[in-house]
Protein backbone atom coordinates (compact mmCIF):
# COMPACT_ATOMS: atom_id res chain seq x y z
CA GLN A 1 -10.96 -9.01 14.14
CA VAL A 2 -11.40 -6.14 11.69
CA GLN A 3 -13.74 -3.19 12.01
CA LEU A 4 -14.80 -1.03 9.08
CA VAL A 5 -16.36 2.39 9.56
CA GLU A 6 -17.97 4.15 6.61
CA SER A 7 -18.89 7.77 6.09
CA GLY A 8 -19.85 10.19 3.33
CA GLY A 9 -23.22 8.89 2.22
CA GLY A 10 -26.21 11.11 1.70
CA LEU A 11 -28.38 12.80 -0.88
CA VAL A 12 -26.86 14.03 -4.12
CA GLN A 13 -28.33 15.32 -7.36
CA ALA A 14 -27.73 13.52 -10.62
CA GLY A 15 -24.59 14.88 -12.23
CA GLY A 16 -23.10 15.97 -8.92
CA SER A 17 -20.42 14.27 -6.88
CA LEU A 18 -19.99 12.42 -3.63
CA ARG A 19 -17.11 10.71 -1.87
CA LEU A 20 -17.45 7.72 0.41
CA SER A 21 -14.79 6.80 2.95
CA CYS A 22 -14.11 3.60 4.85
CA SER A 23 -11.50 3.25 7.57
CA ALA A 24 -10.27 -0.10 8.85
CA SER A 25 -9.03 -0.90 12.33
CA GLY A 26 -8.13 -3.98 14.34
CA SER A 27 -6.18 -6.91 12.87
CA ILE A 28 -5.58 -5.23 9.54
CA SER A 29 -2.40 -7.12 8.66
CA SER A 30 -4.50 -9.78 6.93
CA ILE A 31 -6.21 -7.25 4.66
CA ASN A 32 -4.81 -7.01 1.15
CA ALA A 33 -7.83 -5.83 -0.80
CA MET A 34 -10.65 -3.42 -0.10
CA GLY A 35 -13.72 -2.57 -2.09
CA TRP A 36 -17.28 -1.37 -2.30
CA TYR A 37 -20.47 -3.29 -2.89
CA ARG A 38 -23.96 -1.88 -3.06
CA GLN A 39 -27.48 -3.11 -2.60
CA ALA A 40 -30.54 -1.36 -3.96
CA PRO A 41 -34.04 -1.98 -2.58
CA GLY A 42 -35.34 -5.34 -3.74
CA LYS A 43 -32.06 -6.27 -5.44
CA GLN A 44 -29.07 -8.45 -4.67
CA ARG A 45 -25.80 -7.03 -3.45
CA GLU A 46 -23.38 -6.28 -6.29
CA LEU A 47 -19.78 -5.21 -6.69
CA VAL A 48 -19.10 -1.54 -7.41
CA ALA A 49 -15.29 -1.47 -7.32
CA GLY A 50 -12.36 -3.12 -5.61
CA ILE A 51 -8.67 -2.36 -5.19
CA GLY A 52 -5.77 -4.62 -4.23
CA SER A 53 -2.82 -3.79 -2.04
CA ALA A 54 -0.70 -2.99 -5.12
CA GLY A 55 -3.36 -0.69 -6.54
CA THR A 56 -4.96 -3.02 -9.09
CA ARG A 57 -8.53 -1.89 -9.67
CA THR A 58 -11.66 -3.76 -10.59
CA ASN A 59 -14.76 -1.82 -11.61
CA ALA A 60 -18.29 -2.76 -12.46
CA ASP A 61 -19.14 -1.86 -16.05
CA SER A 62 -22.02 0.29 -14.86
CA VAL A 63 -19.71 2.72 -13.04
CA LYS A 64 -16.63 2.80 -15.27
CA GLY A 65 -15.69 6.35 -16.14
CA ARG A 66 -17.82 7.76 -13.34
CA PHE A 67 -16.69 6.20 -10.06
CA THR A 68 -13.09 5.88 -8.91
CA ILE A 69 -11.82 3.73 -6.06
CA SER A 70 -8.62 4.63 -4.24
CA ARG A 71 -6.88 3.80 -1.00
CA ASP A 72 -4.55 5.38 1.50
CA ASN A 73 -2.55 2.54 3.02
CA ALA A 74 -1.05 4.78 5.70
CA LYS A 75 -4.54 5.60 6.94
CA ASN A 76 -6.00 2.14 6.27
CA THR A 77 -8.75 3.87 4.35
CA VAL A 78 -10.48 3.23 1.05
CA TYR A 79 -12.49 5.82 -0.87
CA LEU A 80 -15.10 5.82 -3.57
CA GLN A 81 -15.28 9.01 -5.58
CA MET A 82 -18.68 9.15 -7.23
CA ASN A 83 -18.84 11.57 -10.14
CA ASN A 84 -21.90 12.02 -12.32
CA PRO A 85 -24.05 9.71 -10.22
CA LYS A 86 -27.34 8.55 -11.69
CA PRO A 87 -30.65 7.73 -10.00
CA GLU A 88 -29.98 4.05 -10.64
CA ASP A 89 -26.90 4.34 -8.41
CA THR A 90 -29.17 4.80 -5.41
CA ALA A 91 -28.37 2.04 -2.93
CA VAL A 92 -26.80 1.21 0.38
CA TYR A 93 -23.05 1.10 -0.17
CA TYR A 94 -21.01 -1.38 1.86
CA CYS A 95 -17.29 -1.34 2.44
CA ASN A 96 -15.52 -4.70 2.26
CA ALA A 97 -12.03 -5.84 3.23
CA ARG A 98 -10.52 -9.23 2.38
CA SER A 99 -7.30 -11.15 1.89
CA THR A 100 -7.39 -11.30 -1.91
CA ASN A 101 -9.14 -9.53 -4.78
CA ASN A 102 -11.68 -12.25 -5.54
CA TRP A 103 -14.47 -9.74 -6.03
CA TYR A 104 -16.73 -12.11 -7.93
CA ILE A 105 -17.36 -13.82 -4.60
CA ILE A 106 -19.55 -11.52 -2.56
CA GLN A 107 -19.63 -13.20 0.83
CA ARG A 108 -15.99 -12.96 1.85
CA GLY A 109 -14.02 -10.91 4.32
CA TYR A 110 -15.27 -8.15 6.59
CA TRP A 111 -18.10 -5.68 6.09
CA GLY A 112 -18.92 -2.17 7.12
CA GLN A 113 -22.34 -1.17 8.37
CA GLY A 114 -23.36 0.39 5.06
CA THR A 115 -24.08 3.99 4.12
CA GLN A 116 -27.10 5.17 2.16
CA VAL A 117 -26.55 7.01 -1.12
CA THR A 118 -29.60 8.57 -2.74
CA VAL A 119 -29.35 10.18 -6.17
CA SER A 120 -32.16 12.50 -7.17
CA SER A 121 -33.12 13.42 -10.73
């Protein structure tokens, strides 16, 4: 049983910055990879970025050079630093934790409750 608690969402202007946080608790020994997905209104959920236990990163092409995923293993926390966000980044962002970095498969592992990120022009 793993619980994921997200924070840091909100309203940000285009070109600004925002940092999302997600802390894991419970049976975390089975977690090797953590990441972020997002879902915009009327669209399917999609991968934003993922990071393995060794630090290997996977990023969606749409956010490369702008968003950075990182993790603090001691705190069981994953972050998403969002720099230069664009209006098209507006979505609900969901934290995900799983046993391996198979990010192309969406419905795996554990999920946070989601946090709204709104980017204004």
